Amino acid sequence: MKGKLLSIIFAVLLLTIVFSGCFEDTLKEETIKGEVIYENLTIEDLDFTIDNYPKTDSSTSAYPLNYIIACNILNSSYIWTQPYYLNYQRSLVISSSDTNISYFIEDINISGTHGSYVNLIDGNADLILVARLPSEDELSHANNNSIELVAKPVALDAFVFITNIANPVDSLTIQEIQDIYTKSITNWSQVGGNPINITAYQRNKNSGSQELMETLVMKDLKMANTPELIEYGMGGPFDQLIYDSEGSGIAYTVYYYKEFLTNTSASIKMIGVNGILPNYGNISNMEYEYISEVYSVIRSNLNPESTAYKLRDWLLGIDGQGVVKESGYVPILE
C-alpha cells in the first residue's frame, strides 16, 4: 500500500512540476499521503437527491464511473450492454424502467476529457472525472478565467498499447515504443515481428490518450508528424485495428476503455511493456510500467460545504472506493 501511494505521489509531483512553470497557482494537486482515508462519508451522510446532486461531467472512458456513482447515490439501476448498432463497443445504460433516467440523460454529462475541463472552468460542471491532469491549453483557459483547479486521484488505470491479435509481438520495451513513434523503428521485424511496415496510429491533441502518450511515454521526444494516422475519438484506433488482418497497426488507449467499453478480445490484444502485461493485478500492485490515475477535479472557489466537495470526499472514503471497485477500476486505496 505505502509503495503504491508513494509511486502515485511521485508521478503526480512530476506532472505538477511540468505544469507549474507556466501556470503557477492554476492547478492545485492534492495527493493521498500515507494511508489516510479522507472523511469517511456514507451515502446517507451525503443526503443527495436529484434536486441537489452536483453537476458532473466526465471523459469518455470514465463515464461508467460517473454513472455508477450516481446510480448508487440516487438509488437507480444500470446494466452493461452491447447495442447492435455499436459494433464492438459496450456501453453502460440506466435501466429504462428507472424514473430517474431523464435526469441521467440531461445532467450527468459525458463531454470527453477536454470538454469536461472546459465545462468545469466555465462553471457548467462542478466536478469532473477524467483520466489525466489538465493540458497546457486547459490550464491556460483556467488561468485566463482566474480559476484554480483542485485535482485528486480516485482510481487507478493504465495507459496501454494495442494491436491486432494477428501480430505475433506480445511485448515491447519502452525504447522500442519510443522508437516506433519517432519512426526510428518502422518495421515489425525490428522488434521480433513479421516483416511488414508498422502503422503507428496517434490521437488528436488535447484528447486524454494523446496527453498521456506525450507525458508518460514520449516525455521530451517529438512524435513523428503523421497527420494521416491521427484518430479522433476513443473508438478510432479500434476501428482501424479490428480489421487489421496483417497485424501492421499499433495504437494506444487506456486499460479501462479496452476492457470494459469494447468487446474486442477476439480481435485486439494489449501489448506488454518490458514484459509486463496490463491487467488488474499488475495495475493494483503497480508492476505495469504506465500506471495512470482517474482524477476528480473541482474548482477551488466552490464552497467547501458544497455537494461537489462532499461527493469528492465521499469518493475517497471506504464507501466511495467500494463503488470505484464496483465500476471495474482499481481503487486508489486498495
Protein backbone atom coordinates (compact mmCIF):
# COMPACT_ATOMS: atom_id res chain seq x y z
CA MET A 1 0.00 0.00 0.00
CA LYS A 2 2.64 2.54 1.01
CA GLY A 3 4.75 1.69 -2.04
CA LYS A 4 1.77 2.22 -4.31
CA LEU A 5 0.88 5.55 -2.78
CA LEU A 6 4.44 6.82 -2.89
CA SER A 7 4.59 5.94 -6.59
CA ILE A 8 1.36 7.82 -7.22
CA ILE A 9 2.62 10.85 -5.32
CA PHE A 10 5.91 10.82 -7.25
CA ALA A 11 4.14 10.63 -10.62
CA VAL A 12 1.78 13.43 -9.68
CA LEU A 13 4.63 15.62 -8.48
CA LEU A 14 6.38 15.20 -11.82
CA LEU A 15 3.26 16.34 -13.65
CA THR A 16 2.78 19.24 -11.25
CA ILE A 17 6.35 20.41 -11.82
CA VAL A 18 5.79 20.36 -15.58
CA PHE A 19 2.66 22.49 -15.30
CA SER A 20 3.81 24.84 -12.55
CA GLY A 21 6.41 26.65 -14.64
CA CYS A 22 3.83 28.29 -16.87
CA PHE A 23 0.67 28.14 -14.79
CA GLU A 24 1.65 28.62 -11.18
CA ASP A 25 -1.36 28.61 -8.85
CA THR A 26 -3.70 27.34 -11.61
CA LEU A 27 -3.53 23.65 -10.69
CA LYS A 28 -3.57 22.50 -7.08
CA GLU A 29 -2.77 18.82 -6.96
CA GLU A 30 -3.80 17.24 -3.65
CA THR A 31 -2.36 13.75 -3.36
CA ILE A 32 -3.20 10.99 -0.94
CA LYS A 33 -0.49 10.83 1.71
CA GLY A 34 0.35 7.75 3.72
CA GLU A 35 -2.68 5.56 4.34
CA VAL A 36 -5.06 8.29 5.39
CA ILE A 37 -8.61 7.92 4.10
CA TYR A 38 -10.40 11.22 3.78
CA GLU A 39 -13.58 11.84 5.72
CA ASN A 40 -15.46 8.56 5.56
CA LEU A 41 -18.85 9.82 4.47
CA THR A 42 -21.62 7.34 3.79
CA ILE A 43 -24.33 7.70 1.16
CA GLU A 44 -26.76 8.54 3.94
CA ASP A 45 -24.45 11.32 5.13
CA LEU A 46 -24.46 12.87 1.66
CA ASP A 47 -28.24 13.28 1.65
CA PHE A 48 -28.23 13.81 -2.12
CA THR A 49 -31.34 13.95 -4.28
CA ILE A 50 -31.91 14.76 -7.93
CA ASP A 51 -32.51 18.35 -6.85
CA ASN A 52 -29.14 18.87 -5.12
CA TYR A 53 -26.88 16.36 -6.88
CA PRO A 54 -23.78 18.21 -8.15
CA LYS A 55 -23.34 18.99 -11.83
CA THR A 56 -20.85 16.39 -13.09
CA ASP A 57 -19.04 15.67 -16.33
CA SER A 58 -16.54 13.05 -17.44
CA SER A 59 -14.11 11.78 -20.01
CA THR A 60 -15.33 9.10 -22.39
CA SER A 61 -13.52 6.32 -20.54
CA ALA A 62 -14.66 7.46 -17.09
CA TYR A 63 -18.34 7.91 -17.84
CA PRO A 64 -19.33 4.49 -16.43
CA LEU A 65 -17.81 5.50 -13.09
CA ASN A 66 -19.74 8.77 -13.24
CA TYR A 67 -22.98 6.87 -13.89
CA ILE A 68 -22.36 4.12 -11.33
CA ILE A 69 -21.61 6.69 -8.62
CA ALA A 70 -24.88 8.47 -9.35
CA CYS A 71 -26.82 5.20 -9.50
CA ASN A 72 -25.56 4.18 -6.07
CA ILE A 73 -26.31 7.55 -4.52
CA LEU A 74 -29.68 8.13 -6.21
CA ASN A 75 -30.84 4.51 -5.88
CA SER A 76 -31.04 3.91 -9.63
CA SER A 77 -30.14 0.78 -11.60
CA TYR A 78 -27.83 0.24 -14.57
CA ILE A 79 -26.82 -2.51 -16.98
CA TRP A 80 -23.84 -3.18 -19.23
CA THR A 81 -24.92 -3.81 -22.81
CA GLN A 82 -23.65 -4.03 -26.36
CA PRO A 83 -26.19 -2.39 -28.67
CA TYR A 84 -26.27 -3.94 -32.14
CA TYR A 85 -25.60 -0.57 -33.78
CA LEU A 86 -22.34 -0.02 -31.86
CA ASN A 87 -20.47 -2.93 -33.47
CA TYR A 88 -17.73 -3.85 -30.95
CA GLN A 89 -18.48 -1.17 -28.37
CA ARG A 90 -20.10 -1.81 -25.00
CA SER A 91 -21.99 0.79 -23.03
CA LEU A 92 -23.44 1.30 -19.59
CA VAL A 93 -27.03 2.46 -19.58
CA ILE A 94 -29.57 3.37 -16.95
CA SER A 95 -32.47 0.94 -16.70
CA SER A 96 -35.38 2.04 -18.87
CA SER A 97 -37.78 1.35 -16.00
CA ASP A 98 -35.99 3.84 -13.76
CA THR A 99 -37.89 7.05 -13.13
CA ASN A 100 -34.57 8.93 -12.90
CA ILE A 101 -33.46 8.10 -16.44
CA SER A 102 -34.22 11.58 -17.82
CA TYR A 103 -32.00 13.11 -15.15
CA PHE A 104 -29.04 10.99 -16.21
CA ILE A 105 -29.57 11.87 -19.85
CA GLU A 106 -29.77 15.61 -19.18
CA ASP A 107 -27.50 16.26 -16.20
CA ILE A 108 -24.82 13.53 -15.90
CA ASN A 109 -22.69 14.65 -18.81
CA ILE A 110 -20.10 12.89 -20.96
CA SER A 111 -18.21 15.68 -22.74
CA GLY A 112 -14.86 13.93 -23.13
CA THR A 113 -11.68 14.94 -21.32
CA HIS A 114 -11.14 18.34 -22.93
CA GLY A 115 -14.83 19.21 -22.94
CA SER A 116 -15.14 18.28 -19.27
CA TYR A 117 -12.27 20.58 -18.29
CA VAL A 118 -13.74 23.44 -20.31
CA ASN A 119 -17.16 22.92 -18.70
CA LEU A 120 -15.63 22.85 -15.23
CA ILE A 121 -13.66 26.05 -15.81
CA ASP A 122 -16.67 27.79 -17.37
CA GLY A 123 -18.94 26.82 -14.47
CA ASN A 124 -21.06 24.35 -16.43
CA ALA A 125 -19.91 21.48 -14.20
CA ASP A 126 -18.85 21.41 -10.55
CA LEU A 127 -16.98 18.08 -10.51
CA ILE A 128 -15.44 16.12 -13.34
CA LEU A 129 -13.97 12.61 -13.56
CA VAL A 130 -11.13 12.42 -16.07
CA ALA A 131 -8.18 10.15 -16.83
CA ARG A 132 -5.48 12.83 -16.81
CA LEU A 133 -4.44 16.15 -15.34
CA PRO A 134 -5.26 19.28 -17.38
CA SER A 135 -3.33 20.03 -20.54
CA GLU A 136 -1.48 23.30 -21.10
CA ASP A 137 -4.39 24.60 -23.18
CA GLU A 138 -6.84 23.83 -20.37
CA LEU A 139 -4.58 25.36 -17.72
CA SER A 140 -4.26 28.45 -19.88
CA HIS A 141 -8.05 28.67 -20.13
CA ALA A 142 -8.31 28.34 -16.34
CA ASN A 143 -5.62 30.95 -15.82
CA ASN A 144 -7.36 33.39 -18.17
CA ASN A 145 -10.53 32.99 -16.11
CA SER A 146 -8.72 33.23 -12.73
CA ILE A 147 -9.78 29.68 -11.87
CA GLU A 148 -7.72 27.28 -9.76
CA LEU A 149 -8.37 23.58 -10.32
CA VAL A 150 -8.09 21.09 -7.47
CA ALA A 151 -7.40 17.51 -8.60
CA LYS A 152 -7.32 14.33 -6.54
CA PRO A 153 -6.82 10.78 -7.85
CA VAL A 154 -9.72 8.47 -7.01
CA ALA A 155 -8.90 5.37 -9.08
CA LEU A 156 -6.05 3.66 -10.89
CA ASP A 157 -5.99 2.92 -14.61
CA ALA A 158 -3.22 2.16 -17.10
CA PHE A 159 -2.05 3.56 -20.41
CA VAL A 160 -1.82 0.64 -22.83
CA PHE A 161 -0.74 -0.24 -26.35
CA ILE A 162 -2.96 -2.33 -28.59
CA THR A 163 -2.61 -4.27 -31.83
CA ASN A 164 -4.50 -6.90 -33.79
CA ILE A 165 -4.12 -10.46 -32.50
CA ALA A 166 -2.55 -11.36 -35.87
CA ASN A 167 0.55 -9.52 -34.72
CA PRO A 168 2.90 -12.05 -33.02
CA VAL A 169 4.61 -9.34 -30.92
CA ASP A 170 3.38 -9.60 -27.32
CA SER A 171 5.66 -7.08 -25.58
CA LEU A 172 7.78 -4.05 -26.38
CA THR A 173 10.40 -2.19 -24.40
CA ILE A 174 9.99 1.48 -23.55
CA GLN A 175 12.77 2.29 -26.01
CA GLU A 176 11.09 0.30 -28.78
CA ILE A 177 7.79 2.10 -28.25
CA GLN A 178 9.52 5.48 -28.36
CA ASP A 179 11.44 4.46 -31.48
CA ILE A 180 8.25 3.32 -33.22
CA TYR A 181 6.58 6.65 -32.56
CA THR A 182 9.62 8.67 -33.67
CA LYS A 183 9.92 6.38 -36.74
CA SER A 184 13.38 5.17 -35.78
CA ILE A 185 11.78 1.71 -35.98
CA THR A 186 9.49 1.28 -38.98
CA ASN A 187 9.16 -2.49 -39.48
CA TRP A 188 7.81 -5.11 -37.09
CA SER A 189 10.75 -7.40 -37.92
CA GLN A 190 12.97 -4.96 -36.00
CA VAL A 191 11.19 -5.94 -32.77
CA GLY A 192 10.75 -9.66 -33.40
CA GLY A 193 7.61 -9.49 -35.52
CA ASN A 194 6.66 -10.16 -39.11
CA PRO A 195 8.48 -8.31 -41.93
CA ILE A 196 5.78 -5.70 -42.51
CA ASN A 197 5.80 -1.95 -42.09
CA ILE A 198 4.43 -0.52 -38.83
CA THR A 199 1.36 1.70 -38.94
CA ALA A 200 1.56 3.73 -35.73
CA TYR A 201 -1.74 5.46 -35.02
CA GLN A 202 -1.89 8.58 -32.87
CA ARG A 203 -4.70 10.52 -31.20
CA ASN A 204 -5.74 14.15 -31.57
CA LYS A 205 -4.32 16.97 -29.49
CA ASN A 206 -5.93 17.54 -26.06
CA SER A 207 -7.50 14.09 -26.07
CA GLY A 208 -6.84 12.20 -22.86
CA SER A 209 -4.91 9.46 -24.65
CA GLN A 210 -2.67 11.86 -26.55
CA GLU A 211 -1.77 13.87 -23.46
CA LEU A 212 -0.92 10.64 -21.60
CA MET A 213 1.19 9.43 -24.52
CA GLU A 214 3.23 12.62 -24.61
CA THR A 215 3.56 12.91 -20.82
CA LEU A 216 4.10 9.30 -19.74
CA VAL A 217 5.81 7.74 -22.74
CA MET A 218 7.42 10.23 -25.10
CA LYS A 219 8.42 12.79 -22.47
CA ASP A 220 10.80 15.17 -24.33
CA LEU A 221 10.77 13.17 -27.56
CA LYS A 222 8.84 14.53 -30.54
CA MET A 223 6.41 12.14 -32.17
CA ALA A 224 6.55 11.59 -35.91
CA ASN A 225 4.45 14.02 -37.92
CA THR A 226 1.85 11.69 -39.44
CA PRO A 227 -1.45 13.60 -39.57
CA GLU A 228 -2.98 10.90 -41.76
CA LEU A 229 -2.66 8.47 -38.84
CA ILE A 230 -4.36 10.66 -36.22
CA GLU A 231 -7.58 9.11 -34.94
CA TYR A 232 -10.38 11.21 -33.45
CA GLY A 233 -12.43 9.72 -30.64
CA MET A 234 -11.52 6.78 -28.43
CA GLY A 235 -13.10 4.33 -30.83
CA GLY A 236 -10.94 5.47 -33.74
CA PRO A 237 -7.92 3.24 -33.03
CA PHE A 238 -10.20 0.23 -32.53
CA ASP A 239 -11.92 0.92 -35.85
CA GLN A 240 -8.52 0.69 -37.54
CA LEU A 241 -7.14 -2.32 -35.69
CA ILE A 242 -10.16 -4.60 -35.52
CA TYR A 243 -9.93 -5.49 -39.24
CA ASP A 244 -6.13 -5.25 -39.48
CA SER A 245 -5.64 -8.88 -40.52
CA GLU A 246 -1.91 -8.38 -41.19
CA GLY A 247 -1.29 -7.00 -37.70
CA SER A 248 0.58 -3.97 -39.02
CA GLY A 249 -1.01 -1.39 -36.75
CA ILE A 250 -0.33 -0.23 -33.21
CA ALA A 251 -2.28 2.32 -31.19
CA TYR A 252 -2.83 3.39 -27.59
CA THR A 253 -5.72 3.81 -25.20
CA VAL A 254 -6.45 3.25 -21.52
CA TYR A 255 -6.94 -0.16 -19.93
CA TYR A 256 -10.44 0.57 -18.62
CA TYR A 257 -11.77 1.57 -22.03
CA LYS A 258 -10.32 -1.52 -23.72
CA GLU A 259 -11.55 -3.94 -21.05
CA PHE A 260 -14.96 -2.50 -20.20
CA LEU A 261 -16.12 -0.36 -23.13
CA THR A 262 -15.17 -2.63 -26.02
CA ASN A 263 -15.78 -6.27 -26.82
CA THR A 264 -12.62 -6.84 -28.83
CA SER A 265 -10.80 -9.69 -27.07
CA ALA A 266 -11.19 -11.88 -30.17
CA SER A 267 -9.50 -9.36 -32.46
CA ILE A 268 -7.40 -6.85 -30.48
CA LYS A 269 -4.85 -7.52 -27.76
CA MET A 270 -2.89 -5.36 -25.33
CA ILE A 271 0.90 -5.44 -25.64
CA GLY A 272 3.08 -5.78 -22.58
CA VAL A 273 5.70 -3.17 -21.73
CA ASN A 274 9.10 -4.50 -20.64
CA GLY A 275 7.49 -7.94 -20.41
CA ILE A 276 4.69 -6.90 -18.03
CA LEU A 277 1.12 -7.09 -19.33
CA PRO A 278 -1.51 -4.56 -18.24
CA ASN A 279 -4.13 -6.32 -16.13
CA TYR A 280 -5.98 -5.69 -12.88
CA GLY A 281 -3.32 -7.36 -10.74
CA ASN A 282 -0.36 -5.61 -12.34
CA ILE A 283 -2.13 -2.26 -12.08
CA SER A 284 -3.09 -2.83 -8.45
CA ASN A 285 0.44 -3.83 -7.42
CA MET A 286 1.99 -1.09 -9.60
CA GLU A 287 4.12 -3.52 -11.61
CA TYR A 288 2.93 -2.35 -15.03
CA GLU A 289 5.05 0.48 -16.40
CA TYR A 290 2.43 3.08 -17.34
CA ILE A 291 0.02 3.41 -14.42
CA SER A 292 -2.34 6.34 -14.78
CA GLU A 293 -4.89 7.84 -12.43
CA VAL A 294 -8.52 8.84 -12.73
CA TYR A 295 -8.97 12.24 -11.14
CA SER A 296 -11.85 14.03 -9.52
CA VAL A 297 -11.37 17.71 -10.30
CA ILE A 298 -13.24 20.67 -8.83
CA ARG A 299 -12.82 24.44 -8.78
CA SER A 300 -11.20 25.83 -5.65
CA ASN A 301 -13.70 28.67 -5.50
CA LEU A 302 -16.55 26.28 -4.63
CA ASN A 303 -17.91 26.39 -1.11
CA PRO A 304 -16.24 23.60 0.95
CA GLU A 305 -19.74 22.67 2.09
CA SER A 306 -20.94 22.27 -1.49
CA THR A 307 -22.24 18.95 -2.79
CA ALA A 308 -19.29 18.73 -5.21
CA TYR A 309 -16.81 18.83 -2.31
CA LYS A 310 -18.86 16.25 -0.40
CA LEU A 311 -19.01 13.94 -3.42
CA ARG A 312 -15.25 14.23 -3.92
CA ASP A 313 -14.54 13.41 -0.27
CA TRP A 314 -17.04 10.53 -0.30
CA LEU A 315 -15.16 9.03 -3.26
CA LEU A 316 -12.02 8.85 -1.12
CA GLY A 317 -13.71 7.06 1.77
CA ILE A 318 -14.48 3.38 2.19
CA ASP A 319 -17.97 3.57 0.67
CA GLY A 320 -16.84 5.62 -2.33
CA GLN A 321 -13.86 3.39 -3.02
CA GLY A 322 -16.19 0.41 -2.94
CA VAL A 323 -18.18 1.97 -5.77
CA VAL A 324 -14.94 2.64 -7.66
CA LYS A 325 -14.20 -1.10 -7.46
CA GLU A 326 -17.77 -1.94 -8.50
CA SER A 327 -17.18 0.05 -11.69
CA GLY A 328 -14.18 -2.10 -12.63
CA TYR A 329 -11.50 0.46 -11.81
CA VAL A 330 -8.71 -0.32 -9.35
CA PRO A 331 -9.45 1.64 -6.14
CA ILE A 332 -6.74 4.11 -5.17
CA LEU A 333 -6.81 2.85 -1.58
CA GLU A 334 -6.98 -0.89 -2.28
